[in-house]
Amino acid sequence: MFEYVSADHLLDKLKPHDYIYYGNIDLPWDQYVSDCQQSADDNPEYFTHNVLGSAAWSKSNNTDQAIYTRAGYTEHNTRIWKTTLVDPKINMPWENEIINCLPLDHAIATPTLQEPGNILPLHVDTFVYLKKKLGQNSNIVRFLIMMEDWKNGHTLQVGTSWLGPWKAGDVYLWYPNTPHIAVNAGLTNKWTCNVTGVLQ
């Protein structure tokens, strides 16, 4: 696990694949999810409508929001809750325990909730929050950590590949410009944690 340490080596390793499975981080994920759910309950203003509610979505994906609207995406089926969606960021007390397991500098951990019936349609990450802090940097990447075991209807497509079933603590990574989709077509909340930073 975690064998790829240099930035150049890791990025080169990612290029020919839709994604790589990076390993599993053994941490008290049940407690982290409980903390996150309480934070979401206490801070509902950190929900957003990904497609219609964010100008950054349109700019960052170089796509007119009307394309998503015509396809049927609405404020009711694209909602997510993230600790970085409102200023100031919500900081969970255990974030560094996760960050310290990854080969990143200037890292930001972002627990994310996708409720049943919501879709994050095809897009490419542009790391808006971190680039605001650091400026442009070609070695910015995002690790995706699954905070709970896979459940029916919890779906992620990266490139042409589907992830899962996963275990709590499983870590995935893909080349920064790889299109991907996140769907919760299940009956329970889906909690993940993005860790974005500059490869060491």
N, C-alpha and C. Protein backbone atom coordinates (compact mmCIF):
# COMPACT_ATOMS: atom_id res chain seq x y z
N MET A 1 0.84 -1.19 0.00
CA MET A 1 0.00 0.00 0.00
C MET A 1 0.88 1.25 0.00
N PHE A 2 0.39 2.32 -0.64
CA PHE A 2 1.03 3.63 -0.64
C PHE A 2 2.48 3.55 -1.12
N GLU A 3 2.69 2.84 -2.23
CA GLU A 3 4.05 2.67 -2.73
C GLU A 3 4.51 3.81 -3.62
N TYR A 4 3.59 4.56 -4.18
CA TYR A 4 3.97 5.60 -5.12
C TYR A 4 4.17 6.91 -4.37
N VAL A 5 5.39 7.35 -4.24
CA VAL A 5 5.63 8.49 -3.38
C VAL A 5 5.97 9.76 -4.12
N SER A 6 6.71 9.69 -5.23
CA SER A 6 7.09 10.93 -5.91
C SER A 6 5.94 11.42 -6.79
N ALA A 7 5.84 12.74 -6.92
CA ALA A 7 4.75 13.32 -7.70
C ALA A 7 4.79 12.84 -9.15
N ASP A 8 5.96 12.89 -9.77
CA ASP A 8 6.07 12.49 -11.18
C ASP A 8 5.72 11.02 -11.35
N HIS A 9 6.21 10.18 -10.46
CA HIS A 9 5.95 8.75 -10.56
C HIS A 9 4.46 8.46 -10.43
N LEU A 10 3.81 9.08 -9.48
CA LEU A 10 2.40 8.82 -9.25
C LEU A 10 1.56 9.31 -10.43
N LEU A 11 1.81 10.52 -10.92
CA LEU A 11 1.04 11.03 -12.04
C LEU A 11 1.24 10.18 -13.29
N ASP A 12 2.47 9.74 -13.54
CA ASP A 12 2.73 8.86 -14.69
C ASP A 12 1.99 7.54 -14.53
N LYS A 13 1.92 7.03 -13.31
CA LYS A 13 1.24 5.77 -13.05
C LYS A 13 -0.26 5.90 -13.29
N LEU A 14 -0.81 7.08 -13.04
CA LEU A 14 -2.25 7.29 -13.19
C LEU A 14 -2.69 7.42 -14.65
N LYS A 15 -1.85 7.98 -15.49
CA LYS A 15 -2.27 8.36 -16.84
C LYS A 15 -2.95 7.24 -17.63
N PRO A 16 -2.41 6.03 -17.66
CA PRO A 16 -3.05 5.00 -18.51
C PRO A 16 -4.27 4.33 -17.89
N HIS A 17 -4.66 4.71 -16.68
CA HIS A 17 -5.76 4.04 -15.99
C HIS A 17 -6.91 5.00 -15.73
N ASP A 18 -8.12 4.45 -15.66
CA ASP A 18 -9.24 5.27 -15.22
C ASP A 18 -9.04 5.71 -13.77
N TYR A 19 -8.54 4.80 -12.94
CA TYR A 19 -8.27 5.10 -11.54
C TYR A 19 -7.34 4.03 -11.01
N ILE A 20 -6.77 4.29 -9.84
CA ILE A 20 -6.06 3.24 -9.12
C ILE A 20 -6.65 3.13 -7.71
N TYR A 21 -6.61 1.92 -7.21
CA TYR A 21 -6.94 1.68 -5.81
C TYR A 21 -5.65 1.91 -5.04
N TYR A 22 -5.66 2.88 -4.11
CA TYR A 22 -4.43 3.30 -3.46
C TYR A 22 -4.16 2.54 -2.16
N GLY A 23 -5.20 1.93 -1.60
CA GLY A 23 -5.03 1.19 -0.35
C GLY A 23 -6.17 1.49 0.60
N ASN A 24 -6.02 1.04 1.83
CA ASN A 24 -7.05 1.26 2.84
C ASN A 24 -6.43 1.91 4.07
N ILE A 25 -7.10 2.93 4.57
CA ILE A 25 -6.67 3.62 5.78
C ILE A 25 -7.56 3.15 6.93
N ASP A 26 -6.95 2.58 7.95
CA ASP A 26 -7.68 2.03 9.09
C ASP A 26 -7.81 3.10 10.16
N LEU A 27 -8.97 3.75 10.18
CA LEU A 27 -9.27 4.78 11.15
C LEU A 27 -10.71 4.55 11.64
N PRO A 28 -11.12 5.21 12.72
CA PRO A 28 -12.48 4.99 13.26
C PRO A 28 -13.55 5.68 12.41
N TRP A 29 -13.82 5.13 11.24
CA TRP A 29 -14.71 5.76 10.27
C TRP A 29 -16.13 5.91 10.80
N ASP A 30 -16.61 4.94 11.58
CA ASP A 30 -17.97 5.06 12.13
C ASP A 30 -18.11 6.34 12.95
N GLN A 31 -17.11 6.64 13.77
CA GLN A 31 -17.16 7.85 14.57
C GLN A 31 -17.08 9.10 13.70
N TYR A 32 -16.22 9.04 12.67
CA TYR A 32 -16.09 10.19 11.77
C TYR A 32 -17.41 10.48 11.06
N VAL A 33 -18.07 9.42 10.58
CA VAL A 33 -19.36 9.61 9.90
C VAL A 33 -20.40 10.18 10.86
N SER A 34 -20.42 9.69 12.09
CA SER A 34 -21.34 10.22 13.09
C SER A 34 -21.08 11.71 13.33
N ASP A 35 -19.80 12.08 13.44
CA ASP A 35 -19.45 13.49 13.61
C ASP A 35 -19.90 14.33 12.42
N CYS A 36 -19.69 13.79 11.22
CA CYS A 36 -20.06 14.51 10.01
C CYS A 36 -21.57 14.68 9.90
N GLN A 37 -22.32 13.62 10.23
CA GLN A 37 -23.77 13.72 10.15
C GLN A 37 -24.29 14.77 11.12
N GLN A 38 -23.70 14.82 12.31
CA GLN A 38 -24.11 15.85 13.28
C GLN A 38 -23.79 17.24 12.75
N SER A 39 -22.64 17.39 12.11
CA SER A 39 -22.26 18.67 11.54
C SER A 39 -23.19 19.09 10.41
N ALA A 40 -23.59 18.12 9.58
CA ALA A 40 -24.54 18.42 8.50
C ALA A 40 -25.89 18.84 9.07
N ASP A 41 -26.33 18.16 10.12
CA ASP A 41 -27.60 18.52 10.77
C ASP A 41 -27.53 19.92 11.37
N ASP A 42 -26.38 20.27 11.92
CA ASP A 42 -26.20 21.56 12.58
C ASP A 42 -25.93 22.71 11.60
N ASN A 43 -25.48 22.37 10.39
CA ASN A 43 -25.07 23.40 9.42
C ASN A 43 -25.69 23.14 8.05
N PRO A 44 -27.02 23.21 7.94
CA PRO A 44 -27.67 22.92 6.66
C PRO A 44 -27.33 23.91 5.57
N GLU A 45 -26.81 25.08 5.94
CA GLU A 45 -26.43 26.06 4.92
C GLU A 45 -25.26 25.61 4.07
N TYR A 46 -24.59 24.51 4.46
CA TYR A 46 -23.47 23.99 3.68
C TYR A 46 -23.94 23.02 2.59
N PHE A 47 -25.23 22.88 2.41
CA PHE A 47 -25.77 22.17 1.25
C PHE A 47 -25.73 23.11 0.05
N THR A 48 -25.52 22.55 -1.11
CA THR A 48 -25.62 23.32 -2.34
C THR A 48 -26.23 22.44 -3.42
N HIS A 49 -26.72 23.08 -4.47
CA HIS A 49 -27.19 22.37 -5.65
C HIS A 49 -26.04 22.45 -6.64
N ASN A 50 -25.39 21.32 -6.86
CA ASN A 50 -24.13 21.33 -7.59
C ASN A 50 -24.20 21.95 -8.97
N VAL A 51 -25.24 21.64 -9.72
CA VAL A 51 -25.31 22.10 -11.10
C VAL A 51 -25.89 23.50 -11.19
N LEU A 52 -27.00 23.73 -10.52
CA LEU A 52 -27.70 25.00 -10.66
C LEU A 52 -27.29 26.02 -9.61
N GLY A 53 -26.76 25.57 -8.50
CA GLY A 53 -26.51 26.49 -7.41
C GLY A 53 -25.11 27.03 -7.35
N SER A 54 -24.27 26.69 -8.30
CA SER A 54 -22.87 27.09 -8.20
C SER A 54 -22.35 27.61 -9.53
N ALA A 55 -22.00 28.90 -9.56
CA ALA A 55 -21.40 29.46 -10.76
C ALA A 55 -20.08 28.78 -11.06
N ALA A 56 -19.39 28.34 -10.01
CA ALA A 56 -18.10 27.67 -10.20
C ALA A 56 -18.25 26.39 -11.00
N TRP A 57 -19.41 25.71 -10.85
CA TRP A 57 -19.61 24.47 -11.61
C TRP A 57 -19.53 24.75 -13.10
N SER A 58 -20.26 25.78 -13.55
CA SER A 58 -20.28 26.11 -14.97
C SER A 58 -18.90 26.53 -15.44
N LYS A 59 -18.24 27.42 -14.70
CA LYS A 59 -16.93 27.92 -15.10
C LYS A 59 -15.89 26.80 -15.09
N SER A 60 -15.89 26.02 -14.03
CA SER A 60 -14.83 25.05 -13.86
C SER A 60 -14.92 23.92 -14.87
N ASN A 61 -16.11 23.64 -15.38
CA ASN A 61 -16.26 22.55 -16.33
C ASN A 61 -16.41 23.05 -17.76
N ASN A 62 -16.27 24.36 -17.94
CA ASN A 62 -16.31 24.93 -19.27
C ASN A 62 -17.61 24.58 -19.99
N THR A 63 -18.68 24.50 -19.26
CA THR A 63 -19.94 24.04 -19.81
C THR A 63 -21.05 24.98 -19.38
N ASP A 64 -21.95 25.28 -20.32
CA ASP A 64 -23.10 26.10 -20.01
C ASP A 64 -24.04 25.31 -19.10
N GLN A 65 -24.47 25.92 -17.99
CA GLN A 65 -25.36 25.24 -17.06
C GLN A 65 -26.66 24.80 -17.73
N ALA A 66 -27.05 25.47 -18.82
CA ALA A 66 -28.30 25.12 -19.50
C ALA A 66 -28.24 23.70 -20.05
N ILE A 67 -27.07 23.20 -20.37
CA ILE A 67 -26.94 21.83 -20.86
C ILE A 67 -27.42 20.85 -19.80
N TYR A 68 -27.02 21.09 -18.55
CA TYR A 68 -27.45 20.23 -17.46
C TYR A 68 -28.95 20.38 -17.20
N THR A 69 -29.44 21.60 -17.27
CA THR A 69 -30.86 21.84 -17.05
C THR A 69 -31.69 21.10 -18.08
N ARG A 70 -31.29 21.20 -19.35
CA ARG A 70 -32.03 20.52 -20.41
C ARG A 70 -32.00 19.00 -20.23
N ALA A 71 -30.93 18.49 -19.64
CA ALA A 71 -30.82 17.04 -19.42
C ALA A 71 -31.65 16.57 -18.24
N GLY A 72 -32.19 17.51 -17.45
CA GLY A 72 -33.07 17.13 -16.36
C GLY A 72 -32.49 17.30 -14.96
N TYR A 73 -31.29 17.87 -14.86
CA TYR A 73 -30.71 18.09 -13.54
C TYR A 73 -31.30 19.36 -12.94
N THR A 74 -31.68 19.27 -11.68
CA THR A 74 -32.37 20.37 -11.01
C THR A 74 -31.78 20.57 -9.62
N GLU A 75 -32.29 21.57 -8.92
CA GLU A 75 -31.87 21.81 -7.54
C GLU A 75 -32.30 20.68 -6.62
N HIS A 76 -33.21 19.84 -7.07
CA HIS A 76 -33.73 18.75 -6.24
C HIS A 76 -32.97 17.44 -6.42
N ASN A 77 -32.16 17.31 -7.47
CA ASN A 77 -31.47 16.03 -7.68
C ASN A 77 -29.96 16.16 -7.80
N THR A 78 -29.40 17.32 -7.42
CA THR A 78 -27.95 17.50 -7.48
C THR A 78 -27.36 18.03 -6.17
N ARG A 79 -28.09 17.87 -5.07
CA ARG A 79 -27.64 18.43 -3.79
C ARG A 79 -26.50 17.63 -3.18
N ILE A 80 -25.54 18.33 -2.63
CA ILE A 80 -24.54 17.71 -1.77
C ILE A 80 -24.27 18.65 -0.59
N TRP A 81 -23.69 18.07 0.45
CA TRP A 81 -23.24 18.84 1.61
C TRP A 81 -21.74 18.64 1.72
N LYS A 82 -20.99 19.76 1.80
CA LYS A 82 -19.53 19.70 1.92
C LYS A 82 -19.07 20.73 2.93
N THR A 83 -17.98 20.42 3.61
CA THR A 83 -17.47 21.34 4.63
C THR A 83 -16.81 22.58 4.04
N THR A 84 -16.65 22.62 2.72
CA THR A 84 -15.99 23.77 2.08
C THR A 84 -16.95 24.63 1.27
N LEU A 85 -18.24 24.38 1.36
CA LEU A 85 -19.15 25.09 0.47
C LEU A 85 -19.53 26.47 0.97
N VAL A 86 -19.23 26.78 2.21
CA VAL A 86 -19.48 28.11 2.76
C VAL A 86 -18.19 28.53 3.46
N ASP A 87 -17.92 29.81 3.45
CA ASP A 87 -16.77 30.35 4.18
C ASP A 87 -17.26 30.79 5.56
N PRO A 88 -16.66 30.33 6.66
CA PRO A 88 -15.43 29.53 6.71
C PRO A 88 -15.69 28.03 6.55
N LYS A 89 -14.65 27.33 6.14
CA LYS A 89 -14.70 25.88 6.06
C LYS A 89 -14.96 25.30 7.45
N ILE A 90 -15.76 24.24 7.51
CA ILE A 90 -15.93 23.50 8.75
C ILE A 90 -14.73 22.57 8.89
N ASN A 91 -14.03 22.65 10.00
CA ASN A 91 -12.87 21.79 10.24
C ASN A 91 -13.24 20.71 11.25
N MET A 92 -13.12 19.46 10.83
CA MET A 92 -13.37 18.35 11.73
C MET A 92 -12.09 18.08 12.52
N PRO A 93 -12.18 17.71 13.81
CA PRO A 93 -10.98 17.61 14.64
C PRO A 93 -10.02 16.49 14.23
N TRP A 94 -10.48 15.54 13.44
CA TRP A 94 -9.67 14.39 13.06
C TRP A 94 -9.13 14.46 11.63
N GLU A 95 -9.31 15.58 10.95
CA GLU A 95 -8.90 15.66 9.54
C GLU A 95 -7.42 15.36 9.34
N ASN A 96 -6.57 15.84 10.24
CA ASN A 96 -5.13 15.60 10.06
C ASN A 96 -4.77 14.12 10.19
N GLU A 97 -5.57 13.35 10.92
CA GLU A 97 -5.31 11.91 11.00
C GLU A 97 -5.43 11.27 9.62
N ILE A 98 -6.35 11.77 8.80
CA ILE A 98 -6.50 11.28 7.43
C ILE A 98 -5.40 11.84 6.54
N ILE A 99 -5.21 13.15 6.61
CA ILE A 99 -4.24 13.82 5.73
C ILE A 99 -2.84 13.24 5.91
N ASN A 100 -2.47 12.93 7.15
CA ASN A 100 -1.12 12.43 7.41
C ASN A 100 -0.85 11.06 6.80
N CYS A 101 -1.87 10.39 6.33
CA CYS A 101 -1.69 9.08 5.68
C CYS A 101 -1.39 9.20 4.19
N LEU A 102 -1.41 10.42 3.66
CA LEU A 102 -1.30 10.61 2.21
C LEU A 102 -0.09 11.48 1.88
N PRO A 103 0.52 11.29 0.69
CA PRO A 103 1.74 12.02 0.32
C PRO A 103 1.44 13.41 -0.25
N LEU A 104 0.87 14.27 0.58
CA LEU A 104 0.41 15.58 0.14
C LEU A 104 0.93 16.69 1.03
N ASP A 105 1.18 17.83 0.41
CA ASP A 105 1.41 19.08 1.12
C ASP A 105 0.20 19.98 0.91
N HIS A 106 -0.01 20.92 1.83
CA HIS A 106 -1.11 21.90 1.73
C HIS A 106 -2.45 21.20 1.56
N ALA A 107 -2.65 20.07 2.19
CA ALA A 107 -3.85 19.26 1.95
C ALA A 107 -5.07 19.80 2.68
N ILE A 108 -6.22 19.60 2.06
CA ILE A 108 -7.51 19.96 2.63
C ILE A 108 -8.39 18.71 2.58
N ALA A 109 -8.95 18.34 3.72
CA ALA A 109 -9.89 17.21 3.78
C ALA A 109 -11.31 17.76 3.75
N THR A 110 -12.14 17.18 2.89
CA THR A 110 -13.50 17.66 2.71
C THR A 110 -14.50 16.52 2.79
N PRO A 111 -15.03 16.24 3.97
CA PRO A 111 -16.12 15.27 4.05
C PRO A 111 -17.32 15.74 3.23
N THR A 112 -17.94 14.80 2.53
CA THR A 112 -19.00 15.14 1.59
C THR A 112 -20.16 14.16 1.74
N LEU A 113 -21.35 14.71 1.81
CA LEU A 113 -22.58 13.92 1.93
C LEU A 113 -23.37 14.02 0.64
N GLN A 114 -23.74 12.85 0.10
CA GLN A 114 -24.69 12.79 -1.01
C GLN A 114 -25.88 11.97 -0.53
N GLU A 115 -27.02 12.63 -0.44
CA GLU A 115 -28.22 11.96 0.04
C GLU A 115 -28.86 11.13 -1.06
N PRO A 116 -29.73 10.17 -0.70
CA PRO A 116 -30.40 9.36 -1.71
C PRO A 116 -31.13 10.22 -2.74
N GLY A 117 -31.05 9.77 -4.01
CA GLY A 117 -31.75 10.46 -5.09
C GLY A 117 -30.98 11.59 -5.72
N ASN A 118 -29.71 11.78 -5.35
CA ASN A 118 -28.92 12.88 -5.89
C ASN A 118 -27.79 12.38 -6.77
N ILE A 119 -27.46 13.21 -7.77
CA ILE A 119 -26.48 12.86 -8.79
C ILE A 119 -25.49 14.01 -8.94
N LEU A 120 -24.21 13.67 -9.02
CA LEU A 120 -23.19 14.62 -9.43
C LEU A 120 -22.83 14.23 -10.86
N PRO A 121 -23.38 14.90 -11.87
CA PRO A 121 -23.21 14.43 -13.24
C PRO A 121 -21.78 14.55 -13.74
N LEU A 122 -21.55 14.06 -14.93
CA LEU A 122 -20.22 13.99 -15.51
C LEU A 122 -19.50 15.33 -15.40
N HIS A 123 -18.29 15.29 -14.81
CA HIS A 123 -17.53 16.52 -14.61
C HIS A 123 -16.06 16.18 -14.41
N VAL A 124 -15.24 17.21 -14.43
CA VAL A 124 -13.81 17.10 -14.15
C VAL A 124 -13.52 18.02 -12.96
N ASP A 125 -12.79 17.52 -11.97
CA ASP A 125 -12.44 18.35 -10.81
C ASP A 125 -11.46 19.43 -11.23
N THR A 126 -11.65 20.63 -10.68
CA THR A 126 -10.73 21.72 -10.97
C THR A 126 -10.13 22.32 -9.70
N PHE A 127 -10.43 21.76 -8.55
CA PHE A 127 -9.76 22.10 -7.31
C PHE A 127 -9.86 23.60 -6.99
N VAL A 128 -11.08 24.12 -7.15
CA VAL A 128 -11.30 25.56 -7.00
C VAL A 128 -10.89 26.06 -5.63
N TYR A 129 -11.28 25.35 -4.57
CA TYR A 129 -11.01 25.82 -3.21
C TYR A 129 -9.51 25.92 -2.95
N LEU A 130 -8.75 24.89 -3.34
CA LEU A 130 -7.31 24.91 -3.06
C LEU A 130 -6.59 25.91 -3.96
N LYS A 131 -7.01 26.02 -5.21
CA LYS A 131 -6.34 26.96 -6.11
C LYS A 131 -6.56 28.40 -5.68
N LYS A 132 -7.67 28.66 -5.02
CA LYS A 132 -7.88 30.01 -4.47
C LYS A 132 -6.81 30.31 -3.43
N LYS A 133 -6.42 29.29 -2.67
CA LYS A 133 -5.44 29.48 -1.61
C LYS A 133 -4.00 29.47 -2.13
N LEU A 134 -3.72 28.61 -3.13
CA LEU A 134 -2.33 28.39 -3.54
C LEU A 134 -1.99 28.90 -4.92
N GLY A 135 -2.99 29.21 -5.74
CA GLY A 135 -2.72 29.52 -7.13
C GLY A 135 -2.63 28.24 -7.95
N GLN A 136 -2.33 28.39 -9.23
CA GLN A 136 -2.25 27.23 -10.12
C GLN A 136 -1.07 26.36 -9.73
N ASN A 137 -1.28 25.05 -9.81
CA ASN A 137 -0.20 24.10 -9.51
C ASN A 137 -0.52 22.80 -10.20
N SER A 138 0.40 22.33 -11.04
CA SER A 138 0.13 21.15 -11.86
C SER A 138 0.14 19.86 -11.06
N ASN A 139 0.62 19.90 -9.83
CA ASN A 139 0.69 18.67 -9.03
C ASN A 139 -0.43 18.55 -8.01
N ILE A 140 -1.51 19.32 -8.18
CA ILE A 140 -2.65 19.17 -7.30
C ILE A 140 -3.44 17.93 -7.72
N VAL A 141 -3.72 17.08 -6.75
CA VAL A 141 -4.53 15.88 -6.99
C VAL A 141 -5.55 15.73 -5.87
N ARG A 142 -6.50 14.83 -6.11
CA ARG A 142 -7.54 14.57 -5.11
C ARG A 142 -7.63 13.07 -4.86
N PHE A 143 -7.47 12.68 -3.61
CA PHE A 143 -7.72 11.31 -3.20
C PHE A 143 -9.16 11.22 -2.71
N LEU A 144 -9.85 10.16 -3.10
CA LEU A 144 -11.21 9.94 -2.63
C LEU A 144 -11.22 8.79 -1.65
N ILE A 145 -11.70 9.06 -0.44
CA ILE A 145 -11.75 8.05 0.61
C ILE A 145 -13.21 7.73 0.91
N MET A 146 -13.52 6.44 0.90
CA MET A 146 -14.87 6.00 1.21
C MET A 146 -15.00 5.91 2.73
N MET A 147 -15.92 6.62 3.30
CA MET A 147 -16.04 6.69 4.75
C MET A 147 -16.89 5.55 5.34
N GLU A 148 -17.62 4.86 4.49
CA GLU A 148 -18.46 3.74 4.93
C GLU A 148 -18.33 2.60 3.94
N ASP A 149 -18.69 1.40 4.36
CA ASP A 149 -18.77 0.28 3.43
C ASP A 149 -19.81 0.59 2.35
N TRP A 150 -19.56 0.03 1.16
CA TRP A 150 -20.47 0.20 0.03
C TRP A 150 -21.86 -0.31 0.39
N LYS A 151 -22.87 0.42 -0.10
CA LYS A 151 -24.26 -0.01 0.06
C LYS A 151 -24.94 0.02 -1.31
N ASN A 152 -25.99 -0.77 -1.46
CA ASN A 152 -26.71 -0.82 -2.73
C ASN A 152 -27.10 0.58 -3.19
N GLY A 153 -26.84 0.86 -4.46
CA GLY A 153 -27.22 2.15 -5.05
C GLY A 153 -26.16 3.22 -4.95
N HIS A 154 -25.09 2.98 -4.19
CA HIS A 154 -24.00 3.96 -4.09
C HIS A 154 -23.02 3.68 -5.23
N THR A 155 -22.89 4.65 -6.12
CA THR A 155 -22.23 4.41 -7.39
C THR A 155 -21.24 5.52 -7.73
N LEU A 156 -20.10 5.13 -8.28
CA LEU A 156 -19.11 6.07 -8.80
C LEU A 156 -18.57 5.53 -10.11
N GLN A 157 -18.61 6.35 -11.15
CA GLN A 157 -17.99 6.01 -12.43
C GLN A 157 -16.81 6.95 -12.63
N VAL A 158 -15.66 6.37 -12.97
CA VAL A 158 -14.46 7.16 -13.27
C VAL A 158 -13.98 6.73 -14.65
N GLY A 159 -13.92 7.69 -15.59
CA GLY A 159 -13.63 7.30 -16.97
C GLY A 159 -14.73 6.36 -17.43
N THR A 160 -14.34 5.16 -17.86
CA THR A 160 -15.33 4.16 -18.28
C THR A 160 -15.46 3.03 -17.26
N SER A 161 -14.90 3.21 -16.08
CA SER A 161 -14.89 2.16 -15.06
C SER A 161 -15.80 2.51 -13.90
N TRP A 162 -16.32 1.45 -13.26
CA TRP A 162 -17.17 1.62 -12.07
C TRP A 162 -16.42 1.15 -10.84
N LEU A 163 -16.51 1.94 -9.77
CA LEU A 163 -15.87 1.57 -8.51
C LEU A 163 -16.83 0.75 -7.66
N GLY A 164 -16.26 -0.10 -6.84
CA GLY A 164 -17.07 -0.81 -5.86
C GLY A 164 -17.14 -2.29 -6.15
N PRO A 165 -17.66 -3.04 -5.16
CA PRO A 165 -18.00 -2.55 -3.81
C PRO A 165 -16.75 -2.20 -3.02
N TRP A 166 -16.84 -1.19 -2.19
CA TRP A 166 -15.70 -0.72 -1.41
C TRP A 166 -15.93 -0.94 0.07
N LYS A 167 -14.86 -0.79 0.82
CA LYS A 167 -14.88 -0.87 2.29
C LYS A 167 -14.56 0.50 2.86
N ALA A 168 -15.04 0.76 4.08
CA ALA A 168 -14.69 2.01 4.76
C ALA A 168 -13.18 2.14 4.84
N GLY A 169 -12.66 3.31 4.44
CA GLY A 169 -11.22 3.55 4.45
C GLY A 169 -10.54 3.28 3.13
N ASP A 170 -11.24 2.70 2.16
CA ASP A 170 -10.64 2.48 0.84
C ASP A 170 -10.36 3.82 0.18
N VAL A 171 -9.21 3.91 -0.48
CA VAL A 171 -8.74 5.16 -1.09
C VAL A 171 -8.57 4.95 -2.59
N TYR A 172 -9.12 5.87 -3.37
CA TYR A 172 -9.02 5.83 -4.83
C TYR A 172 -8.43 7.15 -5.32
N LEU A 173 -7.81 7.06 -6.48
CA LEU A 173 -7.14 8.23 -7.06
C LEU A 173 -7.21 8.10 -8.57
N TRP A 174 -7.43 9.22 -9.25
CA TRP A 174 -7.40 9.22 -10.71
C TRP A 174 -6.68 10.47 -11.21
N TYR A 175 -6.29 10.40 -12.49
CA TYR A 175 -5.56 11.54 -13.08
C TYR A 175 -6.47 12.77 -13.01
N PRO A 176 -5.90 13.94 -12.74
CA PRO A 176 -6.73 15.11 -12.43
C PRO A 176 -7.79 15.47 -13.46
N ASN A 177 -7.57 15.20 -14.75
CA ASN A 177 -8.57 15.62 -15.73
C ASN A 177 -9.50 14.49 -16.18
N THR A 178 -9.61 13.44 -15.37
CA THR A 178 -10.48 12.32 -15.72
C THR A 178 -11.94 12.62 -15.36
N PRO A 179 -12.85 12.54 -16.33
CA PRO A 179 -14.26 12.77 -16.03
C PRO A 179 -14.81 11.68 -15.11
N HIS A 180 -15.73 12.06 -14.24
CA HIS A 180 -16.32 11.09 -13.33
C HIS A 180 -17.72 11.53 -12.90
N ILE A 181 -18.45 10.57 -12.31
CA ILE A 181 -19.85 10.74 -11.93
C ILE A 181 -20.03 10.12 -10.55
N ALA A 182 -20.82 10.77 -9.71
CA ALA A 182 -21.16 10.18 -8.40
C ALA A 182 -22.68 10.17 -8.27
N VAL A 183 -23.22 9.01 -7.87
CA VAL A 183 -24.66 8.83 -7.79
C VAL A 183 -25.01 8.15 -6.46
N ASN A 184 -26.08 8.63 -5.85
CA ASN A 184 -26.67 7.89 -4.74
C ASN A 184 -28.08 7.49 -5.15
N ALA A 185 -28.18 6.29 -5.70
CA ALA A 185 -29.47 5.74 -6.09
C ALA A 185 -29.96 4.74 -5.04
N GLY A 186 -29.40 4.83 -3.85
CA GLY A 186 -29.76 3.92 -2.79
C GLY A 186 -30.79 4.50 -1.85
N LEU A 187 -30.82 3.97 -0.64
CA LEU A 187 -31.80 4.38 0.37
C LEU A 187 -31.13 4.96 1.61
N THR A 188 -29.80 5.07 1.59
CA THR A 188 -29.06 5.60 2.74
C THR A 188 -28.09 6.67 2.27
N ASN A 189 -27.67 7.53 3.17
CA ASN A 189 -26.70 8.57 2.85
C ASN A 189 -25.38 7.95 2.40
N LYS A 190 -24.69 8.64 1.53
CA LYS A 190 -23.35 8.22 1.08
C LYS A 190 -22.34 9.27 1.54
N TRP A 191 -21.42 8.86 2.40
CA TRP A 191 -20.39 9.74 2.91
C TRP A 191 -19.03 9.37 2.30
N THR A 192 -18.38 10.37 1.73
CA THR A 192 -17.01 10.21 1.24
C THR A 192 -16.19 11.38 1.77
N CYS A 193 -14.88 11.29 1.61
CA CYS A 193 -14.00 12.38 2.02
C CYS A 193 -12.97 12.62 0.92
N ASN A 194 -13.02 13.80 0.31
CA ASN A 194 -11.98 14.20 -0.65
C ASN A 194 -10.81 14.76 0.14
N VAL A 195 -9.60 14.36 -0.23
CA VAL A 195 -8.40 15.00 0.32
C VAL A 195 -7.62 15.53 -0.87
N THR A 196 -7.56 16.85 -0.96
CA THR A 196 -6.94 17.52 -2.09
C THR A 196 -5.68 18.22 -1.64
N GLY A 197 -4.61 18.09 -2.40
CA GLY A 197 -3.36 18.73 -2.01
C GLY A 197 -2.34 18.64 -3.11
N VAL A 198 -1.14 19.10 -2.81
CA VAL A 198 -0.03 19.10 -3.75
C VAL A 198 0.82 17.87 -3.49
N LEU A 199 1.02 17.05 -4.51
CA LEU A 199 1.84 15.85 -4.35
C LEU A 199 3.25 16.21 -3.90
N GLN A 200 3.76 15.46 -2.97
CA GLN A 200 5.12 15.69 -2.47
C GLN A 200 6.17 15.22 -3.47
